[in-house]
Amino acid sequence: MTRPEALTRTLRLPDCLERGLRTRRAPPLPHLGEWVEMPQGLRARFSVAIRDDALADVRFEATPCATLVAYCQALAEHETERPLHATPGLDAKGLANLLHGVPPIRQGRAILAVAALRAALKMTTKEPSP
């Protein structure tokens, strides 16, 4: 998927959840972010691989909350191939708008997903994790 397609594509919660349940336990990539947690016990972290100054791959781990897993998957798909020097493509509101089918009471989980990705992006300026 090219970057312009990623920006205009609408994602559905069930589809992202299905893909996310398959990918959320994949081994972490070289640049591993810290866990980011919410008071309710939800947590997530991302890892990234970099190639040619772009995010070649983006993976995540998250507690088993359907909405959080779907948000993390949508964010991973959206940010893959983004140039490393570019500003992240989505904030929490943008992520909530991208993923359709999330009940309003659960949309706050987008904040956690975005914060977790930002934590991983901070690690890209350091040596990769062993």
N, C-alpha and C. Protein backbone atom coordinates (compact mmCIF):
# COMPACT_ATOMS: atom_id res chain seq x y z
N MET A 1 0.85 -1.16 0.00
CA MET A 1 0.00 0.00 0.00
C MET A 1 0.90 1.23 0.00
N THR A 2 0.64 2.17 -0.86
CA THR A 2 1.42 3.39 -0.90
C THR A 2 0.90 4.35 0.16
N ARG A 3 1.70 5.32 0.53
CA ARG A 3 1.33 6.26 1.58
C ARG A 3 0.02 7.00 1.28
N PRO A 4 -0.21 7.54 0.05
CA PRO A 4 -1.49 8.22 -0.18
C PRO A 4 -2.70 7.32 0.05
N GLU A 5 -2.60 6.05 -0.34
CA GLU A 5 -3.71 5.13 -0.10
C GLU A 5 -3.94 4.93 1.39
N ALA A 6 -2.85 4.85 2.16
CA ALA A 6 -2.98 4.66 3.60
C ALA A 6 -3.69 5.85 4.24
N LEU A 7 -3.49 7.04 3.71
CA LEU A 7 -4.10 8.22 4.31
C LEU A 7 -5.58 8.34 4.01
N THR A 8 -6.05 7.75 2.92
CA THR A 8 -7.45 7.91 2.53
C THR A 8 -8.29 6.68 2.83
N ARG A 9 -7.68 5.58 3.14
CA ARG A 9 -8.40 4.34 3.37
C ARG A 9 -9.15 4.38 4.70
N THR A 10 -10.37 3.88 4.70
CA THR A 10 -11.17 3.75 5.90
C THR A 10 -10.98 2.35 6.45
N LEU A 11 -10.76 2.24 7.73
CA LEU A 11 -10.56 0.95 8.36
C LEU A 11 -11.74 0.64 9.27
N ARG A 12 -12.08 -0.64 9.34
CA ARG A 12 -13.19 -1.07 10.19
C ARG A 12 -12.65 -1.83 11.39
N LEU A 13 -13.27 -1.60 12.53
CA LEU A 13 -12.84 -2.23 13.78
C LEU A 13 -12.71 -3.75 13.65
N PRO A 14 -13.72 -4.47 13.14
CA PRO A 14 -13.57 -5.94 13.09
C PRO A 14 -12.39 -6.40 12.25
N ASP A 15 -12.12 -5.70 11.14
CA ASP A 15 -11.01 -6.09 10.27
C ASP A 15 -9.67 -5.87 10.95
N CYS A 16 -9.50 -4.70 11.58
CA CYS A 16 -8.24 -4.41 12.29
C CYS A 16 -8.07 -5.33 13.49
N LEU A 17 -9.15 -5.62 14.18
CA LEU A 17 -9.07 -6.54 15.31
C LEU A 17 -8.61 -7.91 14.85
N GLU A 18 -9.19 -8.41 13.78
CA GLU A 18 -8.81 -9.74 13.26
C GLU A 18 -7.33 -9.78 12.90
N ARG A 19 -6.85 -8.77 12.17
CA ARG A 19 -5.43 -8.73 11.79
C ARG A 19 -4.56 -8.53 13.03
N GLY A 20 -4.99 -7.67 13.95
CA GLY A 20 -4.22 -7.39 15.14
C GLY A 20 -4.07 -8.58 16.06
N LEU A 21 -5.09 -9.40 16.17
CA LEU A 21 -4.99 -10.60 17.01
C LEU A 21 -3.95 -11.56 16.46
N ARG A 22 -3.76 -11.55 15.15
CA ARG A 22 -2.73 -12.41 14.54
C ARG A 22 -1.33 -11.82 14.71
N THR A 23 -1.20 -10.51 14.69
CA THR A 23 0.12 -9.89 14.65
C THR A 23 0.63 -9.38 15.99
N ARG A 24 -0.22 -9.23 16.99
CA ARG A 24 0.21 -8.55 18.22
C ARG A 24 1.21 -9.34 19.05
N ARG A 25 1.38 -10.60 18.75
CA ARG A 25 2.34 -11.41 19.50
C ARG A 25 3.59 -11.73 18.69
N ALA A 26 3.76 -11.05 17.56
CA ALA A 26 4.97 -11.25 16.75
C ALA A 26 6.17 -10.74 17.54
N PRO A 27 7.33 -11.32 17.31
CA PRO A 27 8.53 -10.86 18.04
C PRO A 27 8.79 -9.37 17.78
N PRO A 28 9.29 -8.66 18.79
CA PRO A 28 9.55 -7.23 18.61
C PRO A 28 10.63 -6.97 17.57
N LEU A 29 10.57 -5.79 17.01
CA LEU A 29 11.54 -5.33 16.03
C LEU A 29 12.69 -4.64 16.77
N PRO A 30 13.77 -4.27 16.06
CA PRO A 30 14.98 -3.75 16.73
C PRO A 30 14.79 -2.53 17.63
N HIS A 31 13.93 -1.60 17.29
CA HIS A 31 13.74 -0.40 18.11
C HIS A 31 12.45 -0.58 18.91
N LEU A 32 12.61 -0.93 20.18
CA LEU A 32 11.48 -1.30 21.04
C LEU A 32 11.18 -0.18 22.02
N GLY A 33 9.94 0.30 21.99
CA GLY A 33 9.51 1.36 22.90
C GLY A 33 9.15 0.82 24.27
N GLU A 34 9.04 1.74 25.21
CA GLU A 34 8.61 1.40 26.57
C GLU A 34 7.11 1.12 26.58
N TRP A 35 6.66 0.35 27.55
CA TRP A 35 5.24 0.15 27.75
C TRP A 35 4.60 1.47 28.16
N VAL A 36 3.44 1.76 27.60
CA VAL A 36 2.64 2.92 28.00
C VAL A 36 1.35 2.36 28.58
N GLU A 37 0.96 2.87 29.74
CA GLU A 37 -0.18 2.30 30.45
C GLU A 37 -1.24 3.35 30.75
N MET A 38 -2.48 2.87 30.86
CA MET A 38 -3.60 3.70 31.30
C MET A 38 -4.00 3.23 32.70
N PRO A 39 -4.62 4.10 33.50
CA PRO A 39 -5.03 3.71 34.86
C PRO A 39 -5.93 2.47 34.90
N GLN A 40 -6.68 2.19 33.83
CA GLN A 40 -7.57 1.03 33.82
C GLN A 40 -6.81 -0.29 33.65
N GLY A 41 -5.49 -0.24 33.56
CA GLY A 41 -4.70 -1.46 33.40
C GLY A 41 -4.38 -1.80 31.96
N LEU A 42 -4.85 -1.02 31.02
CA LEU A 42 -4.53 -1.25 29.62
C LEU A 42 -3.11 -0.77 29.35
N ARG A 43 -2.39 -1.50 28.49
CA ARG A 43 -1.04 -1.08 28.13
C ARG A 43 -0.70 -1.54 26.73
N ALA A 44 0.25 -0.82 26.14
CA ALA A 44 0.69 -1.15 24.78
C ALA A 44 2.12 -0.66 24.60
N ARG A 45 2.80 -1.28 23.66
CA ARG A 45 4.10 -0.79 23.22
C ARG A 45 4.30 -1.19 21.77
N PHE A 46 5.06 -0.38 21.08
CA PHE A 46 5.36 -0.62 19.68
C PHE A 46 6.85 -0.88 19.52
N SER A 47 7.19 -1.54 18.44
CA SER A 47 8.58 -1.66 18.02
C SER A 47 8.61 -1.38 16.52
N VAL A 48 9.74 -0.87 16.06
CA VAL A 48 9.86 -0.50 14.65
C VAL A 48 11.18 -0.99 14.09
N ALA A 49 11.17 -1.21 12.79
CA ALA A 49 12.39 -1.47 12.03
C ALA A 49 12.54 -0.33 11.03
N ILE A 50 13.76 0.09 10.83
CA ILE A 50 14.04 1.22 9.95
C ILE A 50 14.88 0.74 8.77
N ARG A 51 14.48 1.19 7.58
CA ARG A 51 15.26 0.92 6.36
C ARG A 51 15.15 2.14 5.47
N ASP A 52 16.25 2.60 4.95
CA ASP A 52 16.28 3.75 4.06
C ASP A 52 15.56 4.95 4.67
N ASP A 53 15.82 5.22 5.95
CA ASP A 53 15.23 6.35 6.68
C ASP A 53 13.70 6.36 6.66
N ALA A 54 13.11 5.17 6.67
CA ALA A 54 11.65 5.05 6.73
C ALA A 54 11.30 3.92 7.70
N LEU A 55 10.08 3.95 8.20
CA LEU A 55 9.59 2.87 9.06
C LEU A 55 9.26 1.68 8.16
N ALA A 56 10.17 0.74 8.09
CA ALA A 56 10.00 -0.42 7.21
C ALA A 56 8.95 -1.37 7.76
N ASP A 57 8.85 -1.46 9.07
CA ASP A 57 7.86 -2.34 9.70
C ASP A 57 7.51 -1.75 11.07
N VAL A 58 6.28 -1.92 11.47
CA VAL A 58 5.79 -1.44 12.76
C VAL A 58 4.99 -2.57 13.38
N ARG A 59 5.35 -2.95 14.61
CA ARG A 59 4.64 -4.01 15.33
C ARG A 59 4.24 -3.49 16.71
N PHE A 60 3.35 -4.21 17.34
CA PHE A 60 2.89 -3.80 18.67
C PHE A 60 2.59 -5.01 19.53
N GLU A 61 2.57 -4.75 20.82
CA GLU A 61 2.07 -5.69 21.82
C GLU A 61 1.04 -4.88 22.62
N ALA A 62 -0.03 -5.53 23.03
CA ALA A 62 -1.06 -4.81 23.79
C ALA A 62 -1.84 -5.79 24.65
N THR A 63 -2.41 -5.23 25.73
CA THR A 63 -3.30 -6.04 26.55
C THR A 63 -4.51 -6.43 25.71
N PRO A 64 -5.17 -7.53 26.06
CA PRO A 64 -6.27 -8.03 25.23
C PRO A 64 -7.56 -7.24 25.36
N CYS A 65 -7.54 -6.04 24.81
CA CYS A 65 -8.74 -5.20 24.70
C CYS A 65 -9.00 -5.07 23.20
N ALA A 66 -10.17 -5.48 22.75
CA ALA A 66 -10.46 -5.48 21.31
C ALA A 66 -10.23 -4.11 20.67
N THR A 67 -10.68 -3.06 21.33
CA THR A 67 -10.53 -1.72 20.76
C THR A 67 -9.06 -1.31 20.71
N LEU A 68 -8.31 -1.56 21.77
CA LEU A 68 -6.90 -1.20 21.80
C LEU A 68 -6.12 -1.96 20.74
N VAL A 69 -6.37 -3.25 20.61
CA VAL A 69 -5.69 -4.06 19.59
C VAL A 69 -6.01 -3.52 18.19
N ALA A 70 -7.26 -3.19 17.95
CA ALA A 70 -7.64 -2.66 16.63
C ALA A 70 -6.99 -1.31 16.37
N TYR A 71 -6.96 -0.43 17.37
CA TYR A 71 -6.30 0.87 17.20
C TYR A 71 -4.81 0.69 16.93
N CYS A 72 -4.16 -0.18 17.67
CA CYS A 72 -2.72 -0.41 17.46
C CYS A 72 -2.45 -0.97 16.07
N GLN A 73 -3.29 -1.90 15.62
CA GLN A 73 -3.12 -2.47 14.29
C GLN A 73 -3.32 -1.39 13.22
N ALA A 74 -4.36 -0.59 13.35
CA ALA A 74 -4.61 0.48 12.38
C ALA A 74 -3.43 1.45 12.34
N LEU A 75 -2.90 1.79 13.49
CA LEU A 75 -1.78 2.71 13.56
C LEU A 75 -0.52 2.09 12.94
N ALA A 76 -0.28 0.82 13.22
CA ALA A 76 0.88 0.14 12.63
C ALA A 76 0.78 0.13 11.10
N GLU A 77 -0.39 -0.17 10.58
CA GLU A 77 -0.58 -0.19 9.13
C GLU A 77 -0.41 1.21 8.55
N HIS A 78 -0.94 2.20 9.23
CA HIS A 78 -0.89 3.58 8.74
C HIS A 78 0.53 4.13 8.72
N GLU A 79 1.32 3.80 9.73
CA GLU A 79 2.65 4.39 9.86
C GLU A 79 3.74 3.64 9.11
N THR A 80 3.51 2.39 8.74
CA THR A 80 4.51 1.64 7.98
C THR A 80 4.79 2.36 6.67
N GLU A 81 6.05 2.50 6.35
CA GLU A 81 6.57 3.17 5.16
C GLU A 81 6.67 4.69 5.32
N ARG A 82 6.26 5.22 6.46
CA ARG A 82 6.37 6.66 6.68
C ARG A 82 7.84 7.03 6.83
N PRO A 83 8.29 8.10 6.16
CA PRO A 83 9.67 8.55 6.36
C PRO A 83 9.92 8.87 7.83
N LEU A 84 11.05 8.45 8.32
CA LEU A 84 11.37 8.61 9.73
C LEU A 84 11.41 10.07 10.15
N HIS A 85 11.86 10.95 9.29
CA HIS A 85 11.98 12.36 9.63
C HIS A 85 10.64 13.10 9.55
N ALA A 86 9.61 12.48 8.99
CA ALA A 86 8.30 13.13 8.87
C ALA A 86 7.55 13.06 10.20
N THR A 87 6.70 14.00 10.40
CA THR A 87 5.85 14.01 11.59
C THR A 87 4.91 12.80 11.53
N PRO A 88 4.66 12.14 12.67
CA PRO A 88 3.70 11.02 12.64
C PRO A 88 2.40 11.45 11.98
N GLY A 89 1.84 10.53 11.20
CA GLY A 89 0.67 10.85 10.39
C GLY A 89 -0.62 11.03 11.16
N LEU A 90 -0.70 10.50 12.35
CA LEU A 90 -1.97 10.56 13.09
C LEU A 90 -1.76 10.98 14.53
N ASP A 91 -2.70 11.76 15.02
CA ASP A 91 -2.81 11.98 16.46
C ASP A 91 -3.99 11.11 16.92
N ALA A 92 -4.34 11.18 18.19
CA ALA A 92 -5.41 10.32 18.70
C ALA A 92 -6.75 10.59 18.01
N LYS A 93 -7.06 11.84 17.75
CA LYS A 93 -8.33 12.16 17.07
C LYS A 93 -8.33 11.62 15.64
N GLY A 94 -7.21 11.75 14.95
CA GLY A 94 -7.10 11.23 13.59
C GLY A 94 -7.25 9.71 13.56
N LEU A 95 -6.64 9.04 14.54
CA LEU A 95 -6.75 7.58 14.62
C LEU A 95 -8.20 7.18 14.91
N ALA A 96 -8.85 7.88 15.81
CA ALA A 96 -10.25 7.58 16.12
C ALA A 96 -11.13 7.78 14.88
N ASN A 97 -10.83 8.78 14.09
CA ASN A 97 -11.60 9.02 12.86
C ASN A 97 -11.31 7.98 11.78
N LEU A 98 -10.09 7.44 11.77
CA LEU A 98 -9.69 6.46 10.77
C LEU A 98 -10.37 5.12 10.97
N LEU A 99 -10.56 4.73 12.23
CA LEU A 99 -11.09 3.40 12.55
C LEU A 99 -12.58 3.50 12.86
N HIS A 100 -13.39 2.99 11.98
CA HIS A 100 -14.84 3.06 12.12
C HIS A 100 -15.38 1.86 12.90
N GLY A 101 -16.40 2.12 13.72
CA GLY A 101 -17.05 1.06 14.46
C GLY A 101 -16.69 1.03 15.94
N VAL A 102 -15.88 1.99 16.39
CA VAL A 102 -15.51 2.03 17.80
C VAL A 102 -16.56 2.83 18.56
N PRO A 103 -17.12 2.26 19.62
CA PRO A 103 -18.10 3.01 20.42
C PRO A 103 -17.43 4.25 21.02
N PRO A 104 -18.15 5.35 21.11
CA PRO A 104 -17.56 6.59 21.64
C PRO A 104 -16.88 6.42 23.00
N ILE A 105 -17.41 5.58 23.85
CA ILE A 105 -16.82 5.40 25.18
C ILE A 105 -15.45 4.73 25.13
N ARG A 106 -15.13 4.07 24.02
CA ARG A 106 -13.84 3.37 23.87
C ARG A 106 -12.83 4.15 23.04
N GLN A 107 -13.21 5.28 22.49
CA GLN A 107 -12.32 6.01 21.60
C GLN A 107 -11.10 6.59 22.30
N GLY A 108 -11.15 6.73 23.62
CA GLY A 108 -9.99 7.21 24.36
C GLY A 108 -8.79 6.29 24.28
N ARG A 109 -9.00 5.05 23.89
CA ARG A 109 -7.88 4.12 23.76
C ARG A 109 -6.94 4.52 22.63
N ALA A 110 -7.42 5.36 21.72
CA ALA A 110 -6.56 5.87 20.65
C ALA A 110 -5.41 6.67 21.24
N ILE A 111 -5.65 7.36 22.34
CA ILE A 111 -4.58 8.14 23.01
C ILE A 111 -3.45 7.21 23.44
N LEU A 112 -3.80 6.07 24.01
CA LEU A 112 -2.80 5.10 24.45
C LEU A 112 -2.00 4.57 23.27
N ALA A 113 -2.67 4.21 22.18
CA ALA A 113 -1.98 3.67 21.01
C ALA A 113 -0.99 4.69 20.45
N VAL A 114 -1.41 5.92 20.30
CA VAL A 114 -0.53 6.96 19.75
C VAL A 114 0.64 7.22 20.69
N ALA A 115 0.40 7.28 22.00
CA ALA A 115 1.48 7.51 22.96
C ALA A 115 2.49 6.37 22.91
N ALA A 116 2.02 5.15 22.76
CA ALA A 116 2.93 4.00 22.69
C ALA A 116 3.78 4.04 21.42
N LEU A 117 3.20 4.43 20.31
CA LEU A 117 4.00 4.55 19.09
C LEU A 117 5.03 5.67 19.24
N ARG A 118 4.65 6.77 19.81
CA ARG A 118 5.61 7.87 20.02
C ARG A 118 6.77 7.43 20.91
N ALA A 119 6.49 6.60 21.91
CA ALA A 119 7.55 6.08 22.78
C ALA A 119 8.54 5.24 21.97
N ALA A 120 8.03 4.46 21.04
CA ALA A 120 8.92 3.65 20.19
C ALA A 120 9.72 4.53 19.24
N LEU A 121 9.09 5.57 18.72
CA LEU A 121 9.80 6.46 17.80
C LEU A 121 10.94 7.18 18.50
N LYS A 122 10.80 7.45 19.79
CA LYS A 122 11.90 8.06 20.54
C LYS A 122 13.11 7.13 20.58
N MET A 123 12.85 5.83 20.54
CA MET A 123 13.93 4.86 20.61
C MET A 123 14.72 4.75 19.30
N THR A 124 14.20 5.31 18.23
CA THR A 124 14.89 5.21 16.95
C THR A 124 16.16 6.05 16.91
N THR A 125 16.33 6.95 17.87
CA THR A 125 17.55 7.74 17.94
C THR A 125 18.62 7.03 18.75
N LYS A 126 18.29 5.87 19.29
CA LYS A 126 19.24 5.09 20.10
C LYS A 126 19.62 3.83 19.34
N GLU A 127 20.56 3.12 19.88
CA GLU A 127 20.96 1.84 19.30
C GLU A 127 19.79 0.85 19.40
N PRO A 128 19.65 -0.05 18.40
CA PRO A 128 18.57 -1.05 18.48
C PRO A 128 18.67 -1.91 19.72
N SER A 129 17.52 -2.39 20.19
CA SER A 129 17.48 -3.30 21.33
C SER A 129 18.10 -4.62 20.93
N PRO A 130 18.73 -5.33 21.88
CA PRO A 130 19.34 -6.64 21.55
C PRO A 130 18.32 -7.67 21.20
